[in-house]
Structures are given as structure tokens and as C-alpha cells.
N, C-alpha and C. Protein backbone atom coordinates (compact mmCIF):
# COMPACT_ATOMS: atom_id res chain seq x y z
N UNK A 1 0.81 -1.18 0.00
CA UNK A 1 0.00 0.00 0.00
C UNK A 1 0.87 1.27 0.00
N UNK A 2 2.00 1.19 0.76
CA UNK A 2 2.88 2.34 0.86
C UNK A 2 3.45 2.72 -0.50
N UNK A 3 3.72 1.76 -1.34
CA UNK A 3 4.26 2.02 -2.68
C UNK A 3 3.29 2.82 -3.54
N UNK A 4 2.02 2.53 -3.42
CA UNK A 4 1.01 3.27 -4.20
C UNK A 4 0.91 4.72 -3.75
N UNK A 5 0.96 4.93 -2.41
CA UNK A 5 0.90 6.30 -1.90
C UNK A 5 2.10 7.10 -2.36
N UNK A 6 3.26 6.48 -2.32
CA UNK A 6 4.47 7.16 -2.76
C UNK A 6 4.41 7.52 -4.23
N UNK A 7 3.89 6.59 -5.03
CA UNK A 7 3.76 6.85 -6.47
C UNK A 7 2.75 7.97 -6.72
N UNK A 8 1.63 7.96 -5.97
CA UNK A 8 0.61 9.00 -6.12
C UNK A 8 1.18 10.35 -5.70
N UNK A 9 1.92 10.39 -4.61
CA UNK A 9 2.53 11.64 -4.15
C UNK A 9 3.53 12.16 -5.18
N UNK A 10 4.35 11.26 -5.71
CA UNK A 10 5.31 11.66 -6.73
C UNK A 10 4.58 12.22 -7.96
N UNK A 11 3.50 11.57 -8.36
CA UNK A 11 2.73 12.04 -9.51
C UNK A 11 2.13 13.41 -9.27
N UNK A 12 1.64 13.64 -8.06
CA UNK A 12 1.05 14.92 -7.71
C UNK A 12 2.10 16.02 -7.73
N UNK A 13 3.28 15.74 -7.17
CA UNK A 13 4.37 16.72 -7.17
C UNK A 13 4.79 17.02 -8.61
N UNK A 14 4.91 16.01 -9.42
CA UNK A 14 5.29 16.20 -10.82
C UNK A 14 4.25 17.04 -11.55
N UNK A 15 2.99 16.77 -11.30
CA UNK A 15 1.91 17.54 -11.91
C UNK A 15 1.95 19.00 -11.48
N UNK A 16 2.21 19.27 -10.21
CA UNK A 16 2.31 20.64 -9.72
C UNK A 16 3.49 21.37 -10.36
N UNK A 17 4.63 20.69 -10.48
CA UNK A 17 5.80 21.30 -11.12
C UNK A 17 5.49 21.64 -12.57
N UNK A 18 4.85 20.73 -13.27
CA UNK A 18 4.48 20.96 -14.66
C UNK A 18 3.54 22.15 -14.78
N UNK A 19 2.57 22.26 -13.87
CA UNK A 19 1.62 23.38 -13.89
C UNK A 19 2.34 24.70 -13.68
N UNK A 20 3.28 24.75 -12.73
CA UNK A 20 4.03 25.98 -12.47
C UNK A 20 4.86 26.36 -13.69
N UNK A 21 5.55 25.40 -14.28
CA UNK A 21 6.35 25.67 -15.48
C UNK A 21 5.46 26.20 -16.62
N UNK A 22 4.31 25.61 -16.79
CA UNK A 22 3.39 26.03 -17.84
C UNK A 22 2.89 27.44 -17.59
N UNK A 23 2.49 27.74 -16.36
CA UNK A 23 1.99 29.08 -16.04
C UNK A 23 3.08 30.13 -16.22
N UNK A 24 4.28 29.86 -15.75
CA UNK A 24 5.39 30.80 -15.91
C UNK A 24 5.71 30.98 -17.39
N UNK A 25 5.71 29.90 -18.14
CA UNK A 25 5.99 29.98 -19.58
C UNK A 25 4.97 30.81 -20.31
N UNK A 26 3.71 30.64 -19.97
CA UNK A 26 2.66 31.43 -20.60
C UNK A 26 2.83 32.89 -20.24
N UNK A 27 3.12 33.16 -18.97
CA UNK A 27 3.31 34.55 -18.53
C UNK A 27 4.46 35.22 -19.25
N UNK A 28 5.56 34.51 -19.45
CA UNK A 28 6.70 35.09 -20.15
C UNK A 28 6.39 35.35 -21.62
N UNK A 29 5.53 34.55 -22.20
CA UNK A 29 5.21 34.71 -23.61
C UNK A 29 4.14 35.75 -23.86
N UNK A 30 3.55 36.31 -22.81
CA UNK A 30 2.44 37.25 -22.97
C UNK A 30 2.80 38.58 -22.34
N UNK A 31 3.90 39.16 -22.74
CA UNK A 31 4.30 40.46 -22.21
C UNK A 31 3.25 41.50 -22.59
N UNK A 32 2.78 42.24 -21.60
CA UNK A 32 1.79 43.29 -21.85
C UNK A 32 2.50 44.58 -22.21
N UNK A 33 1.83 45.40 -22.97
CA UNK A 33 2.36 46.70 -23.29
C UNK A 33 3.21 46.72 -24.54
N UNK A 34 3.57 45.57 -25.07
CA UNK A 34 4.36 45.55 -26.29
C UNK A 34 3.43 45.70 -27.48
N UNK A 35 3.83 46.50 -28.48
CA UNK A 35 2.98 46.64 -29.65
C UNK A 35 2.84 45.31 -30.40
N UNK A 36 1.70 45.12 -30.97
CA UNK A 36 1.42 43.92 -31.74
C UNK A 36 1.69 44.22 -33.21
N UNK A 37 2.34 43.31 -33.90
CA UNK A 37 2.56 43.46 -35.32
C UNK A 37 1.51 42.64 -36.06
N UNK A 38 1.04 43.16 -37.16
CA UNK A 38 0.07 42.42 -37.97
C UNK A 38 0.66 42.19 -39.35
N UNK A 39 0.28 41.07 -39.90
CA UNK A 39 0.69 40.73 -41.26
C UNK A 39 -0.46 39.99 -41.90
N UNK A 40 -0.89 40.42 -43.07
CA UNK A 40 -2.05 39.78 -43.69
C UNK A 40 -1.87 38.28 -43.85
N UNK A 41 -2.94 37.54 -43.56
CA UNK A 41 -2.93 36.09 -43.69
C UNK A 41 -3.66 35.66 -44.96
N UNK A 42 -4.00 36.61 -45.80
CA UNK A 42 -4.70 36.32 -47.04
C UNK A 42 -6.07 36.98 -47.08
N UNK A 43 -6.69 36.90 -48.23
CA UNK A 43 -8.01 37.50 -48.41
C UNK A 43 -9.05 36.72 -47.60
N UNK A 44 -9.95 37.45 -46.97
CA UNK A 44 -11.04 36.82 -46.23
C UNK A 44 -12.04 36.24 -47.23
N UNK A 45 -12.41 34.98 -47.06
CA UNK A 45 -13.40 34.39 -47.98
C UNK A 45 -14.72 35.15 -47.91
N UNK A 46 -15.28 35.41 -49.06
CA UNK A 46 -16.56 36.13 -49.13
C UNK A 46 -17.68 35.25 -48.60
N UNK A 47 -18.70 35.88 -48.08
CA UNK A 47 -19.89 35.16 -47.65
C UNK A 47 -21.11 36.06 -47.71
N UNK A 48 -22.25 35.46 -47.80
CA UNK A 48 -23.55 36.13 -47.68
C UNK A 48 -24.37 35.22 -46.77
N UNK A 49 -24.68 35.76 -45.57
CA UNK A 49 -25.34 34.95 -44.55
C UNK A 49 -26.60 35.63 -44.03
N UNK A 50 -27.60 34.82 -43.64
CA UNK A 50 -28.78 35.41 -43.01
C UNK A 50 -28.44 35.88 -41.59
N UNK A 51 -29.04 37.00 -41.20
CA UNK A 51 -28.88 37.53 -39.85
C UNK A 51 -30.05 37.09 -38.98
N UNK A 52 -29.79 36.87 -37.69
CA UNK A 52 -30.87 36.52 -36.77
C UNK A 52 -31.93 37.62 -36.72
N UNK A 53 -31.49 38.86 -36.90
CA UNK A 53 -32.40 40.00 -36.82
C UNK A 53 -33.19 40.22 -38.11
N UNK A 54 -32.91 39.41 -39.12
CA UNK A 54 -33.55 39.58 -40.43
C UNK A 54 -32.58 40.17 -41.43
N UNK A 55 -32.83 39.94 -42.68
CA UNK A 55 -31.95 40.42 -43.73
C UNK A 55 -30.72 39.54 -43.88
N UNK A 56 -29.77 40.05 -44.62
CA UNK A 56 -28.54 39.30 -44.89
C UNK A 56 -27.34 40.19 -44.65
N UNK A 57 -26.22 39.55 -44.51
CA UNK A 57 -24.95 40.25 -44.35
C UNK A 57 -23.96 39.63 -45.31
N UNK A 58 -23.32 40.48 -46.10
CA UNK A 58 -22.23 39.95 -46.94
C UNK A 58 -20.97 40.74 -46.63
N UNK A 59 -19.86 40.02 -46.61
CA UNK A 59 -18.59 40.60 -46.20
C UNK A 59 -18.19 41.77 -47.11
N UNK A 60 -18.45 41.66 -48.38
CA UNK A 60 -18.04 42.72 -49.31
C UNK A 60 -18.65 44.07 -48.94
N UNK A 61 -19.88 44.05 -48.43
CA UNK A 61 -20.54 45.30 -48.06
C UNK A 61 -19.88 45.97 -46.84
N UNK A 62 -19.00 45.24 -46.16
CA UNK A 62 -18.34 45.78 -44.97
C UNK A 62 -16.96 46.36 -45.25
N UNK A 63 -16.56 46.35 -46.53
CA UNK A 63 -15.27 46.94 -46.88
C UNK A 63 -15.23 48.38 -46.39
N UNK A 64 -14.07 48.80 -45.94
CA UNK A 64 -13.93 50.13 -45.38
C UNK A 64 -14.05 50.14 -43.86
N UNK A 65 -14.41 49.00 -43.28
CA UNK A 65 -14.50 48.86 -41.83
C UNK A 65 -13.63 47.68 -41.41
N UNK A 66 -13.10 47.77 -40.20
CA UNK A 66 -12.42 46.62 -39.61
C UNK A 66 -13.51 45.72 -39.06
N UNK A 67 -13.44 44.44 -39.37
CA UNK A 67 -14.49 43.50 -38.96
C UNK A 67 -13.90 42.45 -38.02
N UNK A 68 -14.57 42.27 -36.90
CA UNK A 68 -14.22 41.21 -35.95
C UNK A 68 -15.24 40.11 -36.14
N UNK A 69 -14.82 38.99 -36.73
CA UNK A 69 -15.71 37.85 -36.93
C UNK A 69 -15.53 36.89 -35.75
N UNK A 70 -16.65 36.53 -35.14
CA UNK A 70 -16.65 35.64 -33.99
C UNK A 70 -17.37 34.36 -34.36
N UNK A 71 -16.61 33.28 -34.56
CA UNK A 71 -17.20 31.97 -34.86
C UNK A 71 -17.49 31.29 -33.53
N UNK A 72 -18.76 30.91 -33.32
CA UNK A 72 -19.18 30.39 -32.02
C UNK A 72 -20.33 29.41 -32.18
N UNK A 73 -20.71 28.79 -31.04
CA UNK A 73 -21.86 27.88 -31.01
C UNK A 73 -22.48 27.92 -29.62
N UNK A 74 -23.76 27.65 -29.54
CA UNK A 74 -24.48 27.69 -28.26
C UNK A 74 -23.98 26.62 -27.29
N UNK A 75 -23.47 25.51 -27.79
CA UNK A 75 -23.00 24.43 -26.93
C UNK A 75 -21.60 24.67 -26.39
N UNK A 76 -20.97 25.76 -26.78
CA UNK A 76 -19.58 26.06 -26.43
C UNK A 76 -19.55 27.04 -25.25
N UNK A 77 -19.21 26.54 -24.05
CA UNK A 77 -19.19 27.40 -22.86
C UNK A 77 -18.20 28.56 -22.99
N UNK A 78 -16.97 28.35 -23.48
CA UNK A 78 -16.06 29.50 -23.62
C UNK A 78 -16.57 30.54 -24.63
N UNK A 79 -17.40 30.11 -25.56
CA UNK A 79 -17.96 31.06 -26.54
C UNK A 79 -18.79 32.13 -25.84
N UNK A 80 -19.54 31.71 -24.81
CA UNK A 80 -20.38 32.66 -24.08
C UNK A 80 -19.50 33.71 -23.38
N UNK A 81 -18.37 33.29 -22.84
CA UNK A 81 -17.43 34.22 -22.21
C UNK A 81 -16.91 35.20 -23.26
N UNK A 82 -16.51 34.69 -24.42
CA UNK A 82 -15.98 35.54 -25.49
C UNK A 82 -17.05 36.52 -25.98
N UNK A 83 -18.28 36.04 -26.08
CA UNK A 83 -19.37 36.89 -26.58
C UNK A 83 -19.63 38.07 -25.65
N UNK A 84 -19.50 37.88 -24.35
CA UNK A 84 -19.68 38.99 -23.41
C UNK A 84 -18.60 40.06 -23.64
N UNK A 85 -17.37 39.62 -23.88
CA UNK A 85 -16.27 40.54 -24.17
C UNK A 85 -16.55 41.29 -25.47
N UNK A 86 -17.00 40.57 -26.48
CA UNK A 86 -17.27 41.19 -27.78
C UNK A 86 -18.47 42.11 -27.73
N UNK A 87 -19.46 41.78 -26.93
CA UNK A 87 -20.63 42.65 -26.80
C UNK A 87 -20.21 44.00 -26.21
N UNK A 88 -19.32 43.96 -25.22
CA UNK A 88 -18.80 45.20 -24.64
C UNK A 88 -18.00 45.99 -25.67
N UNK A 89 -17.18 45.29 -26.47
CA UNK A 89 -16.42 45.94 -27.54
C UNK A 89 -17.36 46.59 -28.54
N UNK A 90 -18.39 45.87 -28.93
CA UNK A 90 -19.37 46.38 -29.90
C UNK A 90 -20.05 47.63 -29.35
N UNK A 91 -20.43 47.60 -28.08
CA UNK A 91 -21.10 48.76 -27.47
C UNK A 91 -20.14 49.94 -27.36
N UNK A 92 -18.87 49.68 -27.04
CA UNK A 92 -17.89 50.74 -26.88
C UNK A 92 -17.42 51.31 -28.21
N UNK A 93 -17.39 50.49 -29.25
CA UNK A 93 -16.84 50.91 -30.54
C UNK A 93 -17.70 51.97 -31.21
N UNK A 94 -19.01 51.92 -30.98
CA UNK A 94 -19.88 52.90 -31.60
C UNK A 94 -19.65 52.94 -33.10
N UNK A 95 -19.24 54.09 -33.58
CA UNK A 95 -19.01 54.25 -35.02
C UNK A 95 -17.53 54.52 -35.31
N UNK A 96 -16.66 53.73 -34.69
CA UNK A 96 -15.22 53.91 -34.86
C UNK A 96 -14.68 53.12 -36.05
N UNK A 97 -15.54 52.65 -36.91
CA UNK A 97 -15.08 51.90 -38.07
C UNK A 97 -14.79 50.45 -37.77
N UNK A 98 -15.25 49.94 -36.61
CA UNK A 98 -15.07 48.54 -36.24
C UNK A 98 -16.45 47.91 -36.10
N UNK A 99 -16.63 46.77 -36.73
CA UNK A 99 -17.90 46.05 -36.62
C UNK A 99 -17.64 44.65 -36.09
N UNK A 100 -18.39 44.27 -35.07
CA UNK A 100 -18.33 42.92 -34.52
C UNK A 100 -19.48 42.13 -35.12
N UNK A 101 -19.19 40.96 -35.67
CA UNK A 101 -20.22 40.09 -36.23
C UNK A 101 -20.02 38.68 -35.69
N UNK A 102 -21.03 38.15 -35.03
CA UNK A 102 -20.98 36.77 -34.59
C UNK A 102 -21.46 35.86 -35.71
N UNK A 103 -20.80 34.74 -35.87
CA UNK A 103 -21.22 33.75 -36.87
C UNK A 103 -21.47 32.43 -36.14
N UNK A 104 -22.74 32.12 -35.96
CA UNK A 104 -23.13 30.89 -35.29
C UNK A 104 -22.93 29.71 -36.24
N UNK A 105 -22.30 28.66 -35.72
CA UNK A 105 -22.13 27.44 -36.51
C UNK A 105 -23.05 26.34 -36.02
N UNK A 106 -24.06 26.74 -35.25
CA UNK A 106 -25.02 25.78 -34.70
C UNK A 106 -25.82 25.10 -35.80
N UNK A 107 -26.25 23.89 -35.48
CA UNK A 107 -27.18 23.19 -36.38
C UNK A 107 -28.61 23.29 -35.84
N UNK A 108 -28.75 23.95 -34.67
CA UNK A 108 -30.08 24.18 -34.10
C UNK A 108 -30.88 25.12 -35.01
N UNK A 109 -32.20 25.07 -34.93
CA UNK A 109 -33.02 26.01 -35.71
C UNK A 109 -32.70 27.46 -35.32
N UNK A 110 -32.80 28.38 -36.26
CA UNK A 110 -32.50 29.79 -35.98
C UNK A 110 -33.27 30.35 -34.78
N UNK A 111 -34.51 29.92 -34.58
CA UNK A 111 -35.30 30.42 -33.45
C UNK A 111 -34.64 30.05 -32.12
N UNK A 112 -34.07 28.86 -32.03
CA UNK A 112 -33.40 28.44 -30.80
C UNK A 112 -32.12 29.24 -30.57
N UNK A 113 -31.39 29.49 -31.64
CA UNK A 113 -30.16 30.29 -31.53
C UNK A 113 -30.54 31.72 -31.11
N UNK A 114 -31.58 32.27 -31.72
CA UNK A 114 -32.03 33.62 -31.39
C UNK A 114 -32.47 33.70 -29.92
N UNK A 115 -33.17 32.69 -29.44
CA UNK A 115 -33.60 32.68 -28.04
C UNK A 115 -32.40 32.63 -27.10
N UNK A 116 -31.39 31.84 -27.44
CA UNK A 116 -30.18 31.73 -26.63
C UNK A 116 -29.48 33.08 -26.55
N UNK A 117 -29.35 33.76 -27.70
CA UNK A 117 -28.69 35.08 -27.76
C UNK A 117 -29.50 36.10 -26.95
N UNK A 118 -30.82 36.12 -27.15
CA UNK A 118 -31.68 37.08 -26.45
C UNK A 118 -31.65 36.87 -24.94
N UNK A 119 -31.63 35.62 -24.52
CA UNK A 119 -31.59 35.29 -23.10
C UNK A 119 -30.36 35.87 -22.42
N UNK A 120 -29.28 35.99 -23.17
CA UNK A 120 -28.03 36.51 -22.62
C UNK A 120 -27.85 38.00 -22.88
N UNK A 121 -28.72 38.58 -23.68
CA UNK A 121 -28.69 40.02 -23.91
C UNK A 121 -27.60 40.52 -24.83
N UNK A 122 -27.05 39.66 -25.68
CA UNK A 122 -26.02 40.11 -26.61
C UNK A 122 -26.66 40.93 -27.71
N UNK A 123 -26.07 42.07 -28.04
CA UNK A 123 -26.68 42.98 -29.00
C UNK A 123 -25.99 43.05 -30.36
N UNK A 124 -24.78 42.55 -30.46
CA UNK A 124 -24.09 42.70 -31.75
C UNK A 124 -24.70 41.76 -32.79
N UNK A 125 -24.53 42.08 -34.09
CA UNK A 125 -25.16 41.27 -35.14
C UNK A 125 -24.69 39.82 -35.12
N UNK A 126 -25.64 38.92 -35.29
CA UNK A 126 -25.35 37.49 -35.33
C UNK A 126 -25.84 36.94 -36.67
N UNK A 127 -24.92 36.32 -37.40
CA UNK A 127 -25.25 35.69 -38.67
C UNK A 127 -25.27 34.17 -38.47
N UNK A 128 -25.98 33.50 -39.33
CA UNK A 128 -26.08 32.04 -39.27
C UNK A 128 -25.16 31.44 -40.33
N UNK A 129 -24.07 30.84 -39.87
CA UNK A 129 -23.11 30.22 -40.77
C UNK A 129 -23.10 28.72 -40.57
N UNK A 130 -21.98 28.10 -40.88
CA UNK A 130 -21.85 26.66 -40.71
C UNK A 130 -20.38 26.29 -40.58
N UNK A 131 -20.14 25.02 -40.32
CA UNK A 131 -18.77 24.52 -40.15
C UNK A 131 -17.94 24.72 -41.42
N UNK A 132 -18.56 24.60 -42.58
CA UNK A 132 -17.82 24.74 -43.83
C UNK A 132 -17.23 26.15 -43.95
N UNK A 133 -18.02 27.16 -43.60
CA UNK A 133 -17.51 28.54 -43.64
C UNK A 133 -16.39 28.70 -42.62
N UNK A 134 -16.59 28.17 -41.42
CA UNK A 134 -15.55 28.25 -40.40
C UNK A 134 -14.25 27.64 -40.90
N UNK A 135 -14.33 26.51 -41.56
CA UNK A 135 -13.13 25.86 -42.09
C UNK A 135 -12.47 26.71 -43.17
N UNK A 136 -13.26 27.38 -44.00
CA UNK A 136 -12.69 28.26 -45.03
C UNK A 136 -11.90 29.40 -44.40
N UNK A 137 -12.26 29.77 -43.17
CA UNK A 137 -11.54 30.82 -42.45
C UNK A 137 -10.40 30.26 -41.60
N UNK A 138 -10.15 28.97 -41.67
CA UNK A 138 -9.06 28.37 -40.91
C UNK A 138 -9.39 28.16 -39.45
N UNK A 139 -10.67 28.15 -39.12
CA UNK A 139 -11.09 27.96 -37.73
C UNK A 139 -10.93 26.49 -37.36
N UNK A 140 -10.24 26.25 -36.24
CA UNK A 140 -9.97 24.89 -35.79
C UNK A 140 -10.73 24.54 -34.52
N UNK A 141 -11.31 25.52 -33.86
CA UNK A 141 -12.04 25.30 -32.61
C UNK A 141 -12.86 26.53 -32.30
N UNK A 142 -13.60 26.46 -31.20
CA UNK A 142 -14.50 27.55 -30.84
C UNK A 142 -14.27 27.96 -29.39
N UNK A 143 -14.38 29.25 -29.11
CA UNK A 143 -14.63 30.34 -30.04
C UNK A 143 -13.37 30.63 -30.86
N UNK A 144 -13.57 31.21 -32.02
CA UNK A 144 -12.46 31.68 -32.85
C UNK A 144 -12.80 33.06 -33.36
N UNK A 145 -11.83 33.95 -33.24
CA UNK A 145 -12.00 35.31 -33.77
C UNK A 145 -11.09 35.48 -34.98
N UNK A 146 -11.62 36.17 -35.97
CA UNK A 146 -10.86 36.51 -37.17
C UNK A 146 -11.01 38.01 -37.37
N UNK A 147 -9.88 38.72 -37.44
CA UNK A 147 -9.90 40.16 -37.66
C UNK A 147 -9.62 40.43 -39.13
N UNK A 148 -10.54 41.15 -39.75
CA UNK A 148 -10.46 41.46 -41.18
C UNK A 148 -10.28 42.97 -41.32
N UNK A 149 -9.27 43.38 -42.09
CA UNK A 149 -9.01 44.81 -42.24
C UNK A 149 -9.98 45.45 -43.23
N UNK A 150 -9.82 46.75 -43.41
CA UNK A 150 -10.75 47.53 -44.25
C UNK A 150 -10.72 47.11 -45.73
N UNK A 151 -9.65 46.41 -46.12
CA UNK A 151 -9.52 45.97 -47.50
C UNK A 151 -9.92 44.51 -47.70
N UNK A 152 -10.44 43.89 -46.64
CA UNK A 152 -10.92 42.51 -46.76
C UNK A 152 -9.86 41.45 -46.57
N UNK A 153 -8.75 41.80 -45.90
CA UNK A 153 -7.68 40.83 -45.65
C UNK A 153 -7.71 40.38 -44.20
N UNK A 154 -7.49 39.10 -43.99
CA UNK A 154 -7.40 38.58 -42.62
C UNK A 154 -6.09 39.06 -42.02
N UNK A 155 -6.18 39.75 -40.88
CA UNK A 155 -4.99 40.26 -40.21
C UNK A 155 -4.63 39.46 -38.97
N UNK A 156 -5.59 38.76 -38.39
CA UNK A 156 -5.32 37.95 -37.20
C UNK A 156 -6.38 36.88 -37.06
N UNK A 157 -5.98 35.78 -36.45
CA UNK A 157 -6.90 34.67 -36.17
C UNK A 157 -6.53 34.13 -34.79
N UNK A 158 -7.54 33.88 -33.97
CA UNK A 158 -7.28 33.39 -32.61
C UNK A 158 -8.35 32.39 -32.21
N UNK A 159 -7.93 31.27 -31.67
CA UNK A 159 -8.85 30.26 -31.16
C UNK A 159 -8.77 30.27 -29.64
N UNK A 160 -9.92 30.26 -29.00
CA UNK A 160 -10.00 30.36 -27.55
C UNK A 160 -10.45 31.75 -27.17
N UNK A 161 -10.68 31.95 -25.88
CA UNK A 161 -11.13 33.26 -25.41
C UNK A 161 -9.97 34.24 -25.52
N UNK A 162 -10.24 35.36 -26.17
CA UNK A 162 -9.26 36.42 -26.36
C UNK A 162 -9.65 37.57 -25.45
N UNK A 163 -8.74 37.98 -24.58
CA UNK A 163 -9.03 39.08 -23.66
C UNK A 163 -9.25 40.38 -24.43
N UNK A 164 -10.01 41.28 -23.81
CA UNK A 164 -10.32 42.57 -24.45
C UNK A 164 -9.05 43.36 -24.76
N UNK A 165 -8.10 43.38 -23.85
CA UNK A 165 -6.88 44.15 -24.10
C UNK A 165 -6.10 43.58 -25.28
N UNK A 166 -6.15 42.28 -25.46
CA UNK A 166 -5.47 41.66 -26.60
C UNK A 166 -6.17 42.02 -27.91
N UNK A 167 -7.49 41.99 -27.89
CA UNK A 167 -8.25 42.37 -29.10
C UNK A 167 -7.96 43.82 -29.43
N UNK A 168 -8.03 44.70 -28.42
CA UNK A 168 -7.77 46.13 -28.64
C UNK A 168 -6.38 46.36 -29.21
N UNK A 169 -5.38 45.61 -28.72
CA UNK A 169 -4.01 45.76 -29.21
C UNK A 169 -3.93 45.38 -30.69
N UNK A 170 -4.62 44.32 -31.08
CA UNK A 170 -4.61 43.92 -32.49
C UNK A 170 -5.36 44.92 -33.36
N UNK A 171 -6.46 45.44 -32.87
CA UNK A 171 -7.20 46.46 -33.64
C UNK A 171 -6.34 47.70 -33.82
N UNK A 172 -5.63 48.11 -32.78
CA UNK A 172 -4.74 49.26 -32.87
C UNK A 172 -3.61 48.99 -33.86
N UNK A 173 -3.07 47.79 -33.85
CA UNK A 173 -2.00 47.44 -34.80
C UNK A 173 -2.51 47.50 -36.23
N UNK A 174 -3.73 47.06 -36.45
CA UNK A 174 -4.31 47.15 -37.80
C UNK A 174 -4.44 48.61 -38.21
N UNK A 175 -4.92 49.45 -37.30
CA UNK A 175 -5.06 50.88 -37.61
C UNK A 175 -3.69 51.50 -37.92
N UNK A 176 -2.67 51.17 -37.11
CA UNK A 176 -1.32 51.72 -37.35
C UNK A 176 -0.79 51.28 -38.71
N UNK A 177 -0.98 50.00 -39.02
CA UNK A 177 -0.48 49.48 -40.29
C UNK A 177 -1.20 50.15 -41.46
N UNK A 178 -2.48 50.38 -41.31
CA UNK A 178 -3.25 51.05 -42.39
C UNK A 178 -2.82 52.50 -42.54
N UNK A 179 -2.43 53.14 -41.45
CA UNK A 179 -2.04 54.55 -41.50
C UNK A 179 -0.74 54.76 -42.27
N UNK A 180 0.14 53.77 -42.26
CA UNK A 180 1.43 53.93 -42.97
C UNK A 180 1.38 53.37 -44.38
N UNK A 181 0.32 52.67 -44.72
CA UNK A 181 0.19 52.10 -46.05
C UNK A 181 -0.18 53.22 -47.05
N UNK A 182 0.49 53.23 -48.21
CA UNK A 182 0.19 54.28 -49.19
C UNK A 182 -1.21 54.16 -49.78
């Protein structure tokens, strides 16, 4: 019996050491305050999607604005966290040339998706997409954000919850890059 306890204790200590190394490594890789550099990842695939609020949205009509695309699903718990951050961004952005658009990849009926969104009070536009569109954007998991510049080029892609300060830093980098472009 003593051998099993010793092995379990050793495993626990090893796990704690690994956790500390991982946390320190992540902290070192996420220096705050450093400017973010952006580099286009290619043209954003065009789409025309129905909106939960009615009508349609097509990416081409958004040229001239920076677009934050949020690929999400109702079954994804981290998506709800990301959506709260994006809803605050959408409310704060006003008419600063930034548009937040959620793209639901749910297979649930639109009425169920709309009820889920309404229940949580999210106000930014939500379009009904699918997994195929997400894959065309290089989305590998949810939530995933894709930042598209005013010319329709993907400038950043992120899977997982992205903090507001990180999103703001990338949006600022896009603005800086656009300001120096002829």
C-alpha cells in the first residue's frame, strides 16, 4: 500500500511542477504593453449569410471597416465568455469603423439560436453560418476570432477566449499598419 501512496505523491508533485512551469511559460510569452505586429494572412473568404435579426450580411458590403468575426456555437461554454467581451467591444466601438459580427455554426433552428442570444442580452449582429464557412476561415475550434481589415484581408486569427486588451491591441495594430500604407 505504501508504494502506491508514494507513487501517487510523486505524480502529484510532478503535476504541480508541470503546472508551475506552464503558467510561468505562458506569462513570459504574454508580455503586456508591447505593440502587436500584424501581417495579412490572405483574403477573407466572401460570404452572404442570413442575420438573426432579419436580412442578410455579406462581407463585401463591410469593406472600409475593420471587422471582428466571432465563430461560435451555443453548446460552447467558452464562446459565451468571449461573446460577453465582444458585446462590450461592440457597445464601446460605436461608429469607430469597427464592426463585430458573430457567426453561429449551430445546427439548431434559428429560433433556438435567437432565443439563446436574447436570453443573454447580446446585441451585436449574429449571422447564421456553418462549419464549412468556419473551415474556409481556418477555424480549428471555438470560439475563434478573425480580424479582417478595411480591404478585406485577414490580419489575425485566434482560437479560444481572447481578452479585451489583446483584441484592442490587435485592432490598434491594424489601424497603425493602415495609417502607414500608401
